[in-house]
Amino acid sequence: MEKGVKRWIVDVSEWNPSPNDFSLALAALPQLEHSCITRFVREEDRKRALVSRLLQYSLVREVLQIPYDEIVIKRTLEGKPYLECDNGVQPELPNFNFNVSHHGDYVAIASEPLCLVGIDIVSCDLPINETVQSFIQAFESYFSRFEWENINKVGSPDETLAEFYRYWSLKEAYVKAIGSGLSNGIDRVEFRHNNWMNISVLIDGKRCKEWSFWLHELPKRHWLSIARGHPKAAWGSYKATLKRTEFSQEVYENGLRLPNAGVDTRTVDQLVRTLARAK
C-alpha cells in the first residue's frame, strides 16, 4: 500500500510563466477544467488553481497508471476533489483518495491508499492594519481552552501568530480529510503535541487513536499539515465517493501505521511532462 502514500508540493512563486507558457500548461489538462482556472481575475489565483489541478491529474496518472482520457476528477458538494473511475481501483489501494491545498507560495497534494487524507498549508501572514491579537481573537471560539492558552503564552506577537497558524493548519487538515467543508467541525478537535511531534487529537473531548497527524515546517514561514484517519469518519457527499468505509481492524491498522511519506518537491514543467507523455 505504500505506493499510494504521496505528498507533493510546488513553489508557485518560482514559476513566472509567459502567457504562452501558461496556455501550454493549461492545455495539459482536460478542456472541462479550463474554465475553473481562467475564471479567476488575479494572476496568482489562476496560477494556484492551475497547479492544483496539474498536481491532481499527474498524481493519479503516476500512482494508478490510468489512461489519461479515462481520468475523471469531480468535486463533492462541499468542494472536496475525488477520483470517479472504477478502473483505477487496485487491491493494494482499496480506497485511494487525495486532497489538495494552497496558500502563500505553495500548492500541495497528499494521497492515501486506504485511510482518509487531509492536507492544509498556511502562510504566516498578518492582514494589513491588524495586530496579532485583533486578528486571532476572531477565531477564539474554534479553539479549546488548552489550545488557546498555548497560543497566547508562547512569547512575542510573531511567535503567537506562528503558533496560531500551526494549530489552525492541523484543524483544517482534519476537516478536509472528513470532507465536511467550510471548517465545519473545526471546533470539535483539540490537539496535543510534544514540540509539534507525536501529535495526538481529542475529538469532542475524547482522545481518538484512529487518527494520525504530521506538521511540516516549510521555507518562508509556511507550514503543512497532514491528517490520516478512518474512512468511517467521512461526511455526507464525500462518504458516498469512497469505495469502502468499513475494514477489519487489522487492515485498518495497517493503513493507519503506514510510514508518512516525505514531502516531494515538483515543478510545473515536471507535472506538464507527466501529462503530456500520458496523452
Foldseek 3Di string as FASTA:
>chain_A
DLLQWAKEKEQQVPDDDDPVRLVLLLVLADPVLNCVQVVDDDPVSSSLSSVQVLVVLLSLCVSQVDQSVQWDWDAFPQGFIFTDDDSSADPQQNWWTKGWEDDDRMIMMTIASAWFKFKYKYALDDDPPDQLCRVCVVVVLLADPVLVVVLPPPDDSSSSSLSSVQLVRQLRGVCSRQSPHPSVQSSQKYWDDDVQPPIWIGGNNHTDPQKDKHWDADPNRMIMMMITGQLVSHDDPVNVRTSDRDDPPVVSVVRRPRDNDDYHYDYSVVSSVSSVVSD
